[in-house]
Protein backbone atom coordinates (compact mmCIF):
# COMPACT_ATOMS: atom_id res chain seq x y z
CA UNK A 1 -74.50 26.11 -112.45
CA UNK A 2 -71.17 25.64 -112.04
CA UNK A 3 -69.97 27.41 -115.05
CA UNK A 4 -72.90 29.96 -114.94
CA UNK A 5 -70.70 31.01 -111.66
CA UNK A 6 -67.23 31.22 -113.63
CA UNK A 7 -69.50 32.70 -116.05
CA UNK A 8 -70.01 35.60 -112.78
CA UNK A 9 -66.68 35.31 -112.22
CA UNK A 10 -65.33 36.02 -115.10
CA UNK A 11 -67.64 39.26 -114.99
CA UNK A 12 -66.80 40.77 -111.81
CA UNK A 13 -63.45 40.87 -112.22
CA UNK A 14 -63.31 42.35 -115.98
CA UNK A 15 -65.34 45.13 -114.40
CA UNK A 16 -62.73 45.48 -111.48
CA UNK A 17 -60.01 45.42 -113.17
CA UNK A 18 -59.47 48.35 -115.04
CA UNK A 19 -59.97 50.33 -111.52
CA UNK A 20 -57.21 48.83 -109.78
CA UNK A 21 -54.93 49.60 -113.19
CA UNK A 22 -55.62 53.28 -112.93
CA UNK A 23 -55.31 53.12 -109.31
CA UNK A 24 -51.69 55.37 -108.22
CA UNK A 25 -50.18 55.23 -104.66
CA UNK A 26 -49.44 59.27 -103.90
CA UNK A 27 -46.13 60.25 -103.73
CA UNK A 28 -43.61 59.63 -101.12
CA UNK A 29 -43.80 62.73 -98.74
CA UNK A 30 -39.89 64.22 -98.95
CA UNK A 31 -38.26 65.23 -96.08
CA UNK A 32 -36.95 69.57 -96.10
CA UNK A 33 -33.02 69.82 -97.47
CA UNK A 34 -32.08 71.07 -94.23
CA UNK A 35 -33.89 68.47 -91.69
CA UNK A 36 -31.11 66.30 -89.38
CA UNK A 37 -32.70 64.03 -86.38
CA UNK A 38 -31.66 64.88 -83.69
CA UNK A 39 -28.87 64.65 -81.24
CA UNK A 40 -29.22 61.40 -79.11
CA UNK A 41 -27.11 61.76 -76.01
CA UNK A 42 -25.54 58.97 -75.31
CA UNK A 43 -25.34 58.08 -71.76
CA UNK A 44 -21.90 58.49 -69.77
CA UNK A 45 -20.79 55.37 -69.46
CA UNK A 46 -19.81 53.84 -65.81
CA UNK A 47 -16.52 54.34 -64.63
CA UNK A 48 -15.66 52.50 -61.13
CA UNK A 49 -13.25 54.11 -58.85
CA UNK A 50 -9.72 52.78 -59.21
CA UNK A 51 -9.42 50.22 -56.19
CA UNK A 52 -5.80 49.11 -55.90
CA UNK A 53 -5.54 45.06 -55.05
CA UNK A 54 -3.31 44.20 -52.28
CA UNK A 55 -0.52 42.28 -53.23
CA UNK A 56 -0.78 39.07 -53.04
CA UNK A 57 1.73 37.16 -51.62
CA UNK A 58 3.00 33.28 -53.65
CA UNK A 59 3.35 30.25 -51.69
CA UNK A 60 6.24 28.62 -50.76
CA UNK A 61 8.19 26.66 -53.98
CA UNK A 62 8.73 23.24 -51.95
CA UNK A 63 11.28 21.52 -54.06
CA UNK A 64 12.13 17.87 -52.69
CA UNK A 65 15.04 16.91 -50.87
CA UNK A 66 18.14 15.61 -53.78
CA UNK A 67 18.21 11.80 -52.69
CA UNK A 68 21.47 11.18 -51.93
CA UNK A 69 22.86 7.15 -51.42
CA UNK A 70 25.19 7.01 -48.27
CA UNK A 71 28.71 6.46 -49.21
CA UNK A 72 30.23 3.17 -48.27
CA UNK A 73 32.84 4.40 -46.19
CA UNK A 74 35.42 1.49 -44.39
CA UNK A 75 36.39 1.12 -40.89
CA UNK A 76 38.70 2.95 -39.74
CA UNK A 77 41.88 0.95 -38.88
CA UNK A 78 44.64 2.71 -36.43
CA UNK A 79 48.25 1.55 -37.49
CA UNK A 80 50.63 1.08 -35.18
CA UNK A 81 53.31 4.03 -34.70
CA UNK A 82 56.49 3.19 -37.13
CA UNK A 83 60.11 3.77 -35.27
CA UNK A 84 61.74 6.53 -35.97
CA UNK A 85 65.40 6.40 -34.77
CA UNK A 86 66.77 10.29 -33.01
CA UNK A 87 67.92 12.42 -35.55
CA UNK A 88 71.45 13.01 -35.16
CA UNK A 89 72.92 16.53 -35.55
CA UNK A 90 75.34 16.91 -37.07
CA UNK A 91 78.80 18.83 -35.86
CA UNK A 92 78.88 22.11 -37.18
CA UNK A 93 82.45 23.18 -38.52
CA UNK A 94 83.80 25.22 -35.64
CA UNK A 95 85.06 27.48 -38.11
CA UNK A 96 84.21 29.53 -41.50
CA UNK A 97 86.63 28.20 -44.22
CA UNK A 98 85.80 30.21 -47.40
CA UNK A 99 85.97 28.56 -50.83
CA UNK A 100 89.12 27.90 -52.47
CA UNK A 101 89.49 29.93 -55.56
CA UNK A 102 89.30 27.96 -58.76
CA UNK A 103 90.76 29.58 -62.04
CA UNK A 104 87.78 29.17 -64.75
CA UNK A 105 89.26 26.93 -67.76
CA UNK A 106 89.33 28.66 -71.24
CA UNK A 107 86.59 29.08 -73.77
CA UNK A 108 86.08 25.43 -75.82
CA UNK A 109 88.57 23.62 -73.43
CA UNK A 110 87.54 20.07 -72.21
CA UNK A 111 88.87 17.68 -69.93
CA UNK A 112 89.48 14.27 -71.26
CA UNK A 113 89.32 15.70 -75.45
CA UNK A 114 91.83 17.09 -77.80
CA UNK A 115 92.57 20.16 -78.33
CA UNK A 116 90.75 20.99 -82.07
CA UNK A 117 92.44 23.11 -84.77
CA UNK A 118 90.88 26.38 -83.97
CA UNK A 119 92.94 25.95 -80.72
């Protein structure tokens, strides 16, 4: 029975195939050349009103103190006062004595040396 069913199936396919081969899709509908899609209006972009933020104060910067080790200072020892003899003022000469004029020695003269050939 299966052979009969198979033959009937083949016969049915042979009968239907020519009709499927003749089927043509209808040609696509062409748009007119002047056709443009309608313009799409974009909604306006929302811009929030200008808002100036309040000034931000910076917190104070903490600077740790610089550690300085204590410096050793020896105890002060007071020295006993040193005896200073009283100043003795020299007596001023009673009158002004002008310097004594001494003539200048000639050029090349050296005391204690014999004269040279040029002298």
